[in-house]
Amino acid sequence: MNPPVGSREANSMYLLKLICLTIVNLAKQAWLLPQTITLGLAERRRQIERHQSEAERLDRIRNPSKYLGR
């Protein structure tokens, strides 16, 4: 028993819509890739700066004699 013709057309339209939405989302991600990379690099720089500041702070606490007069 074959499904009704209208059901086949609905499935075809659904599949076409799904393919189009996938292509649109892929294009959107490709368009935003440079911005995403830039934001990621900036966040990494901030993490490195925080890590260095924290390392210096801990060193000052552990070895206060190294920092006398500063």
PDB file of N, CA and C in Angstrom:
ATOM      1  N   MET A   1       0.841  -1.189   0.000  1.00  0.00           N
ATOM      2  CA  MET A   1       0.000   0.000   0.000  1.00  0.00           C
ATOM      3  C   MET A   1       0.886   1.252   0.000  1.00  0.00           C
ATOM      4  N   ASN A   2       0.729   2.106  -1.003  1.00  0.00           N
ATOM      5  CA  ASN A   2       1.512   3.326  -1.144  1.00  0.00           C
ATOM      6  C   ASN A   2       0.874   4.463  -0.352  1.00  0.00           C
ATOM      7  N   PRO A   3       1.733   5.348   0.229  1.00  0.00           N
ATOM      8  CA  PRO A   3       1.162   6.513   0.929  1.00  0.00           C
ATOM      9  C   PRO A   3       0.522   7.456  -0.080  1.00  0.00           C
ATOM     10  N   PRO A   4      -0.395   8.288   0.361  1.00  0.00           N
ATOM     11  CA  PRO A   4      -1.030   9.246  -0.549  1.00  0.00           C
ATOM     12  C   PRO A   4      -0.004  10.191  -1.146  1.00  0.00           C
ATOM     13  N   VAL A   5      -0.317  10.693  -2.334  1.00  0.00           N
ATOM     14  CA  VAL A   5       0.604  11.566  -3.065  1.00  0.00           C
ATOM     15  C   VAL A   5       0.887  12.838  -2.266  1.00  0.00           C
ATOM     16  N   GLY A   6      -0.087  13.388  -1.603  1.00  0.00           N
ATOM     17  CA  GLY A   6       0.095  14.616  -0.825  1.00  0.00           C
ATOM     18  C   GLY A   6       1.126  14.437   0.271  1.00  0.00           C
ATOM     19  N   SER A   7       1.191  13.254   0.840  1.00  0.00           N
ATOM     20  CA  SER A   7       2.161  12.974   1.889  1.00  0.00           C
ATOM     21  C   SER A   7       3.579  12.997   1.320  1.00  0.00           C
ATOM     22  N   ARG A   8       3.761  12.469   0.129  1.00  0.00           N
ATOM     23  CA  ARG A   8       5.074  12.491  -0.520  1.00  0.00           C
ATOM     24  C   ARG A   8       5.521  13.924  -0.787  1.00  0.00           C
ATOM     25  N   GLU A   9       4.605  14.740  -1.240  1.00  0.00           N
ATOM     26  CA  GLU A   9       4.937  16.146  -1.514  1.00  0.00           C
ATOM     27  C   GLU A   9       5.292  16.872  -0.220  1.00  0.00           C
ATOM     28  N   ALA A  10       4.571  16.568   0.855  1.00  0.00           N
ATOM     29  CA  ALA A  10       4.866  17.199   2.139  1.00  0.00           C
ATOM     30  C   ALA A  10       6.253  16.777   2.622  1.00  0.00           C
ATOM     31  N   ASN A  11       6.570  15.496   2.458  1.00  0.00           N
ATOM     32  CA  ASN A  11       7.896  15.029   2.860  1.00  0.00           C
ATOM     33  C   ASN A  11       8.980  15.675   2.013  1.00  0.00           C
ATOM     34  N   SER A  12       8.741  15.835   0.736  1.00  0.00           N
ATOM     35  CA  SER A  12       9.714  16.470  -0.148  1.00  0.00           C
ATOM     36  C   SER A  12       9.925  17.926   0.242  1.00  0.00           C
ATOM     37  N   MET A  13       8.848  18.627   0.546  1.00  0.00           N
ATOM     38  CA  MET A  13       8.958  20.034   0.944  1.00  0.00           C
ATOM     39  C   MET A  13       9.691  20.145   2.280  1.00  0.00           C
ATOM     40  N   TYR A  14       9.393  19.229   3.207  1.00  0.00           N
ATOM     41  CA  TYR A  14      10.065  19.242   4.504  1.00  0.00           C
ATOM     42  C   TYR A  14      11.566  19.016   4.315  1.00  0.00           C
ATOM     43  N   LEU A  15      11.923  18.064   3.472  1.00  0.00           N
ATOM     44  CA  LEU A  15      13.320  17.770   3.206  1.00  0.00           C
ATOM     45  C   LEU A  15      14.018  18.968   2.553  1.00  0.00           C
ATOM     46  N   LEU A  16      13.365  19.602   1.600  1.00  0.00           N
ATOM     47  CA  LEU A  16      13.927  20.780   0.942  1.00  0.00           C
ATOM     48  C   LEU A  16      14.116  21.918   1.943  1.00  0.00           C
ATOM     49  N   LYS A  17      13.143  22.112   2.813  1.00  0.00           N
ATOM     50  CA  LYS A  17      13.239  23.156   3.834  1.00  0.00           C
ATOM     51  C   LYS A  17      14.404  22.862   4.782  1.00  0.00           C
ATOM     52  N   LEU A  18      14.543  21.609   5.174  1.00  0.00           N
ATOM     53  CA  LEU A  18      15.618  21.215   6.062  1.00  0.00           C
ATOM     54  C   LEU A  18      16.987  21.441   5.419  1.00  0.00           C
ATOM     55  N   ILE A  19      17.116  21.120   4.161  1.00  0.00           N
ATOM     56  CA  ILE A  19      18.370  21.333   3.439  1.00  0.00           C
ATOM     57  C   ILE A  19      18.687  22.824   3.344  1.00  0.00           C
ATOM     58  N   CYS A  20      17.679  23.628   3.023  1.00  0.00           N
ATOM     59  CA  CYS A  20      17.886  25.082   2.911  1.00  0.00           C
ATOM     60  C   CYS A  20      18.296  25.682   4.256  1.00  0.00           C
ATOM     61  N   LEU A  21      17.625  25.274   5.335  1.00  0.00           N
ATOM     62  CA  LEU A  21      17.975  25.801   6.655  1.00  0.00           C
ATOM     63  C   LEU A  21      19.393  25.390   7.048  1.00  0.00           C
ATOM     64  N   THR A  22      19.786  24.191   6.698  1.00  0.00           N
ATOM     65  CA  THR A  22      21.140  23.734   6.987  1.00  0.00           C
ATOM     66  C   THR A  22      22.161  24.572   6.237  1.00  0.00           C
ATOM     67  N   ILE A  23      21.905  24.842   4.982  1.00  0.00           N
ATOM     68  CA  ILE A  23      22.813  25.655   4.175  1.00  0.00           C
ATOM     69  C   ILE A  23      22.900  27.080   4.733  1.00  0.00           C
ATOM     70  N   VAL A  24      21.763  27.642   5.118  1.00  0.00           N
ATOM     71  CA  VAL A  24      21.747  28.999   5.683  1.00  0.00           C
ATOM     72  C   VAL A  24      22.544  29.047   6.982  1.00  0.00           C
ATOM     73  N   ASN A  25      22.343  28.055   7.858  1.00  0.00           N
ATOM     74  CA  ASN A  25      23.086  28.034   9.121  1.00  0.00           C
ATOM     75  C   ASN A  25      24.580  27.844   8.899  1.00  0.00           C
ATOM     76  N   LEU A  26      24.949  27.033   7.936  1.00  0.00           N
ATOM     77  CA  LEU A  26      26.355  26.837   7.612  1.00  0.00           C
ATOM     78  C   LEU A  26      26.973  28.136   7.091  1.00  0.00           C
ATOM     79  N   ALA A  27      26.253  28.842   6.232  1.00  0.00           N
ATOM     80  CA  ALA A  27      26.743  30.121   5.713  1.00  0.00           C
ATOM     81  C   ALA A  27      26.883  31.143   6.845  1.00  0.00           C
ATOM     82  N   LYS A  28      25.933  31.155   7.759  1.00  0.00           N
ATOM     83  CA  LYS A  28      25.991  32.086   8.896  1.00  0.00           C
ATOM     84  C   LYS A  28      27.214  31.793   9.764  1.00  0.00           C
ATOM     85  N   GLN A  29      27.479  30.526  10.036  1.00  0.00           N
ATOM     86  CA  GLN A  29      28.652  30.166  10.834  1.00  0.00           C
ATOM     87  C   GLN A  29      29.939  30.549  10.116  1.00  0.00           C
ATOM     88  N   ALA A  30      30.000  30.335   8.822  1.00  0.00           N
ATOM     89  CA  ALA A  30      31.188  30.709   8.051  1.00  0.00           C
ATOM     90  C   ALA A  30      31.390  32.220   8.084  1.00  0.00           C
ATOM     91  N   TRP A  31      30.306  32.980   8.014  1.00  0.00           N
ATOM     92  CA  TRP A  31      30.385  34.443   8.048  1.00  0.00           C
ATOM     93  C   TRP A  31      30.890  34.926   9.405  1.00  0.00           C
ATOM     94  N   LEU A  32      30.483  34.262  10.479  1.00  0.00           N
ATOM     95  CA  LEU A  32      30.850  34.686  11.826  1.00  0.00           C
ATOM     96  C   LEU A  32      32.185  34.099  12.298  1.00  0.00           C
ATOM     97  N   LEU A  33      32.804  33.229  11.518  1.00  0.00           N
ATOM     98  CA  LEU A  33      34.043  32.578  11.937  1.00  0.00           C
ATOM     99  C   LEU A  33      35.165  33.565  12.265  1.00  0.00           C
ATOM    100  N   PRO A  34      35.437  34.574  11.437  1.00  0.00           N
ATOM    101  CA  PRO A  34      36.516  35.517  11.803  1.00  0.00           C
ATOM    102  C   PRO A  34      36.248  36.225  13.136  1.00  0.00           C
ATOM    103  N   GLN A  35      35.006  36.621  13.363  1.00  0.00           N
ATOM    104  CA  GLN A  35      34.655  37.289  14.622  1.00  0.00           C
ATOM    105  C   GLN A  35      34.835  36.326  15.794  1.00  0.00           C
ATOM    106  N   THR A  36      34.448  35.089  15.624  1.00  0.00           N
ATOM    107  CA  THR A  36      34.575  34.091  16.672  1.00  0.00           C
ATOM    108  C   THR A  36      36.044  33.861  17.015  1.00  0.00           C
ATOM    109  N   ILE A  37      36.887  33.791  16.004  1.00  0.00           N
ATOM    110  CA  ILE A  37      38.319  33.595  16.235  1.00  0.00           C
ATOM    111  C   ILE A  37      38.907  34.797  16.968  1.00  0.00           C
ATOM    112  N   THR A  38      38.529  36.002  16.547  1.00  0.00           N
ATOM    113  CA  THR A  38      39.028  37.219  17.190  1.00  0.00           C
ATOM    114  C   THR A  38      38.622  37.274  18.657  1.00  0.00           C
ATOM    115  N   LEU A  39      37.372  36.961  18.944  1.00  0.00           N
ATOM    116  CA  LEU A  39      36.905  36.967  20.336  1.00  0.00           C
ATOM    117  C   LEU A  39      37.619  35.902  21.160  1.00  0.00           C
ATOM    118  N   GLY A  40      37.858  34.752  20.578  1.00  0.00           N
ATOM    119  CA  GLY A  40      38.562  33.687  21.288  1.00  0.00           C
ATOM    120  C   GLY A  40      39.992  34.084  21.629  1.00  0.00           C
ATOM    121  N   LEU A  41      40.678  34.723  20.675  1.00  0.00           N
ATOM    122  CA  LEU A  41      42.045  35.166  20.928  1.00  0.00           C
ATOM    123  C   LEU A  41      42.087  36.252  22.005  1.00  0.00           C
ATOM    124  N   ALA A  42      41.134  37.163  21.973  1.00  0.00           N
ATOM    125  CA  ALA A  42      41.078  38.225  22.985  1.00  0.00           C
ATOM    126  C   ALA A  42      40.835  37.628  24.373  1.00  0.00           C
ATOM    127  N   GLU A  43      39.956  36.648  24.453  1.00  0.00           N
ATOM    128  CA  GLU A  43      39.686  35.991  25.734  1.00  0.00           C
ATOM    129  C   GLU A  43      40.929  35.266  26.231  1.00  0.00           C
ATOM    130  N   ARG A  44      41.648  34.632  25.332  1.00  0.00           N
ATOM    131  CA  ARG A  44      42.883  33.935  25.715  1.00  0.00           C
ATOM    132  C   ARG A  44      43.905  34.922  26.258  1.00  0.00           C
ATOM    133  N   ARG A  45      44.028  36.096  25.607  1.00  0.00           N
ATOM    134  CA  ARG A  45      44.952  37.128  26.111  1.00  0.00           C
ATOM    135  C   ARG A  45      44.560  37.568  27.516  1.00  0.00           C
ATOM    136  N   ARG A  46      43.270  37.769  27.741  1.00  0.00           N
ATOM    137  CA  ARG A  46      42.806  38.167  29.079  1.00  0.00           C
ATOM    138  C   ARG A  46      43.124  37.090  30.116  1.00  0.00           C
ATOM    139  N   GLN A  47      42.952  35.827  29.753  1.00  0.00           N
ATOM    140  CA  GLN A  47      43.266  34.738  30.682  1.00  0.00           C
ATOM    141  C   GLN A  47      44.752  34.728  31.034  1.00  0.00           C
ATOM    142  N   ILE A  48      45.604  34.951  30.031  1.00  0.00           N
ATOM    143  CA  ILE A  48      47.047  34.973  30.272  1.00  0.00           C
ATOM    144  C   ILE A  48      47.408  36.120  31.210  1.00  0.00           C
ATOM    145  N   GLU A  49      46.822  37.305  30.981  1.00  0.00           N
ATOM    146  CA  GLU A  49      47.090  38.457  31.839  1.00  0.00           C
ATOM    147  C   GLU A  49      46.638  38.192  33.270  1.00  0.00           C
ATOM    148  N   ARG A  50      45.447  37.593  33.422  1.00  0.00           N
ATOM    149  CA  ARG A  50      44.960  37.263  34.774  1.00  0.00           C
ATOM    150  C   ARG A  50      45.879  36.259  35.449  1.00  0.00           C
ATOM    151  N   HIS A  51      46.331  35.274  34.693  1.00  0.00           N
ATOM    152  CA  HIS A  51      47.215  34.256  35.253  1.00  0.00           C
ATOM    153  C   HIS A  51      48.533  34.886  35.715  1.00  0.00           C
ATOM    154  N   GLN A  52      49.095  35.780  34.908  1.00  0.00           N
ATOM    155  CA  GLN A  52      50.345  36.436  35.283  1.00  0.00           C
ATOM    156  C   GLN A  52      50.170  37.307  36.515  1.00  0.00           C
ATOM    157  N   SER A  53      49.050  38.039  36.569  1.00  0.00           N
ATOM    158  CA  SER A  53      48.785  38.888  37.734  1.00  0.00           C
ATOM    159  C   SER A  53      48.628  38.044  38.989  1.00  0.00           C
ATOM    160  N   GLU A  54      47.938  36.938  38.863  1.00  0.00           N
ATOM    161  CA  GLU A  54      47.729  36.057  40.011  1.00  0.00           C
ATOM    162  C   GLU A  54      49.049  35.431  40.449  1.00  0.00           C
ATOM    163  N   ALA A  55      49.894  35.046  39.504  1.00  0.00           N
ATOM    164  CA  ALA A  55      51.196  34.466  39.839  1.00  0.00           C
ATOM    165  C   ALA A  55      52.057  35.489  40.583  1.00  0.00           C
ATOM    166  N   GLU A  56      52.033  36.734  40.109  1.00  0.00           N
ATOM    167  CA  GLU A  56      52.805  37.772  40.795  1.00  0.00           C
ATOM    168  C   GLU A  56      52.254  38.034  42.190  1.00  0.00           C
ATOM    169  N   ARG A  57      50.948  38.075  42.321  1.00  0.00           N
ATOM    170  CA  ARG A  57      50.325  38.296  43.628  1.00  0.00           C
ATOM    171  C   ARG A  57      50.729  37.201  44.611  1.00  0.00           C
ATOM    172  N   LEU A  58      50.667  35.955  44.155  1.00  0.00           N
ATOM    173  CA  LEU A  58      51.044  34.843  45.029  1.00  0.00           C
ATOM    174  C   LEU A  58      52.535  34.891  45.370  1.00  0.00           C
ATOM    175  N   ASP A  59      53.363  35.289  44.407  1.00  0.00           N
ATOM    176  CA  ASP A  59      54.797  35.401  44.673  1.00  0.00           C
ATOM    177  C   ASP A  59      55.062  36.490  45.703  1.00  0.00           C
ATOM    178  N   ARG A  60      54.330  37.594  45.615  1.00  0.00           N
ATOM    179  CA  ARG A  60      54.480  38.674  46.604  1.00  0.00           C
ATOM    180  C   ARG A  60      54.098  38.193  48.001  1.00  0.00           C
ATOM    181  N   ILE A  61      53.059  37.358  48.085  1.00  0.00           N
ATOM    182  CA  ILE A  61      52.628  36.835  49.384  1.00  0.00           C
ATOM    183  C   ILE A  61      53.668  35.853  49.927  1.00  0.00           C
ATOM    184  N   ARG A  62      54.207  34.986  49.065  1.00  0.00           N
ATOM    185  CA  ARG A  62      55.143  33.951  49.501  1.00  0.00           C
ATOM    186  C   ARG A  62      56.547  34.509  49.783  1.00  0.00           C
ATOM    187  N   ASN A  63      56.951  35.520  49.033  1.00  0.00           N
ATOM    188  CA  ASN A  63      58.310  36.065  49.148  1.00  0.00           C
ATOM    189  C   ASN A  63      58.276  37.588  49.288  1.00  0.00           C
ATOM    190  N   PRO A  64      57.806  38.096  50.417  1.00  0.00           N
ATOM    191  CA  PRO A  64      57.695  39.558  50.545  1.00  0.00           C
ATOM    192  C   PRO A  64      59.055  40.259  50.534  1.00  0.00           C
ATOM    193  N   SER A  65      60.122  39.554  50.909  1.00  0.00           N
ATOM    194  CA  SER A  65      61.429  40.201  50.934  1.00  0.00           C
ATOM    195  C   SER A  65      61.915  40.577  49.528  1.00  0.00           C
ATOM    196  N   LYS A  66      61.483  39.865  48.504  1.00  0.00           N
ATOM    197  CA  LYS A  66      61.880  40.198  47.135  1.00  0.00           C
ATOM    198  C   LYS A  66      61.282  41.525  46.674  1.00  0.00           C
ATOM    199  N   TYR A  67      60.209  41.944  47.319  1.00  0.00           N
ATOM    200  CA  TYR A  67      59.462  43.116  46.846  1.00  0.00           C
ATOM    201  C   TYR A  67      59.572  44.309  47.794  1.00  0.00           C
ATOM    202  N   LEU A  68      60.539  44.291  48.702  1.00  0.00           N
ATOM    203  CA  LEU A  68      60.708  45.425  49.611  1.00  0.00           C
ATOM    204  C   LEU A  68      61.137  46.652  48.820  1.00  0.00           C
ATOM    205  N   GLY A  69      60.532  47.767  49.095  1.00  0.00           N
ATOM    206  CA  GLY A  69      60.869  49.007  48.434  1.00  0.00           C
ATOM    207  C   GLY A  69      60.187  49.221  47.089  1.00  0.00           C
ATOM    208  N   ARG A  70      59.337  48.334  46.691  1.00  0.00           N
ATOM    209  CA  ARG A  70      58.631  48.493  45.417  1.00  0.00           C
ATOM    210  C   ARG A  70      57.306  49.148  45.626  1.00  0.00           C
TER     211      ARG A  70
END
